[in-house]
Protein backbone atom coordinates (compact mmCIF):
# COMPACT_ATOMS: atom_id res chain seq x y z
CA MET A 1 26.25 48.47 -14.14
CA ASN A 2 25.65 50.42 -10.93
CA LEU A 3 21.92 51.16 -10.71
CA GLY A 4 22.56 53.94 -8.18
CA THR A 5 23.88 56.15 -10.96
CA HIS A 6 20.72 55.69 -13.06
CA ILE A 7 18.00 55.69 -10.44
CA ARG A 8 17.01 59.16 -9.31
CA PHE A 9 14.46 60.57 -6.93
CA CYS A 10 13.13 64.06 -6.32
CA GLN A 11 13.47 65.94 -3.06
CA SER A 12 12.52 69.48 -2.15
CA CYS A 13 15.39 71.73 -1.14
CA PRO A 14 14.81 72.67 2.52
CA THR A 15 16.08 76.20 1.81
CA CYS A 16 14.37 77.33 -1.40
CA GLY A 17 11.70 74.63 -1.75
CA ARG A 18 12.55 73.82 -5.36
CA ARG A 19 12.48 70.19 -6.47
CA VAL A 20 15.91 68.65 -7.05
CA GLN A 21 16.66 65.36 -8.82
CA ILE A 22 19.16 63.33 -6.81
CA ARG A 23 20.94 60.10 -7.78
CA ALA A 24 20.05 57.19 -5.49
CA SER A 25 23.76 56.57 -4.92
CA LEU A 26 23.90 59.90 -3.04
CA LEU A 27 21.29 58.97 -0.41
CA GLY A 28 22.48 59.93 3.06
CA THR A 29 25.20 62.26 1.78
CA GLN A 30 25.42 66.05 1.64
CA VAL A 31 24.22 67.45 -1.70
CA ALA A 32 23.83 71.00 -2.99
CA CYS A 33 20.70 72.49 -4.52
CA ARG A 34 21.29 73.51 -8.15
CA HIS A 35 19.04 76.53 -7.68
CA CYS A 36 20.15 78.19 -4.43
CA HIS A 37 23.34 76.17 -3.72
CA ALA A 38 22.27 75.35 -0.15
CA THR A 39 23.54 72.02 1.16
CA PHE A 40 21.37 69.35 2.74
CA THR A 41 21.34 65.59 3.33
CA ALA A 42 19.79 63.60 0.49
CA SER A 43 16.83 61.64 1.80
CA ALA A 44 14.17 59.53 0.12
CA PHE A 45 11.60 60.77 2.63
CA GLU A 46 9.93 64.16 2.46
CA ASP A 47 8.85 66.04 5.55
CA GLU A 48 5.19 65.67 6.34
CA PRO A 49 3.27 68.94 6.00
CA GLY A 50 3.56 70.83 9.28
CA ALA A 51 6.26 68.50 10.60
CA VAL A 52 8.82 71.30 10.61
CA ASP A 53 8.08 74.60 12.27
CA ASP A 54 7.57 77.00 9.36
CA ALA A 55 8.95 80.01 11.26
CA LYS A 56 12.15 78.16 12.14
CA ARG A 57 12.57 77.00 8.53
CA LEU A 58 12.09 80.55 7.31
CA MET A 59 14.61 81.94 9.80
CA ASP A 60 17.13 79.24 8.86
CA ARG A 61 16.66 80.21 5.21
CA VAL A 62 17.15 83.91 6.01
CA GLU A 63 20.32 83.10 7.98
CA GLN A 64 21.76 81.07 5.10
CA MET A 65 21.02 83.86 2.65
CA LEU A 66 22.67 86.45 4.92
CA VAL A 67 25.79 84.32 5.27
CA ARG A 68 25.94 83.82 1.51
CA ALA A 69 25.50 87.57 0.94
CA GLU A 70 28.36 88.31 3.33
CA LEU A 71 30.60 85.81 1.54
CA ASP A 72 29.69 87.18 -1.88
CA ALA A 73 30.05 90.85 -0.89
CA PRO A 74 33.07 92.57 -2.42
CA MET A 75 35.83 93.30 0.04
CA THR A 76 36.54 96.99 0.63
CA SER A 77 39.57 98.65 2.10
CA GLU A 78 37.39 100.64 4.50
CA THR A 79 36.46 99.17 7.83
CA THR A 80 34.15 100.51 10.48
CA CYS A 81 34.67 100.28 14.18
CA ALA A 82 31.86 100.15 16.67
């Protein structure tokens, strides 16, 4: 029996902040948040409070949401030229 499939840990998604359960066998790999679908590297260590610049984290989150909105936007036959 592979214990990595049964042992899980919780990590906060760096994009939305929600807690995500991750199998230990996925440590060090790219995983996707079930809530916002952002991808991040599974790690057993959480960031210390204040270790990451909050403004940068917020801007990264905004950028990811804008990219996702552009990808999800319906395509139209009209185009605009600048």
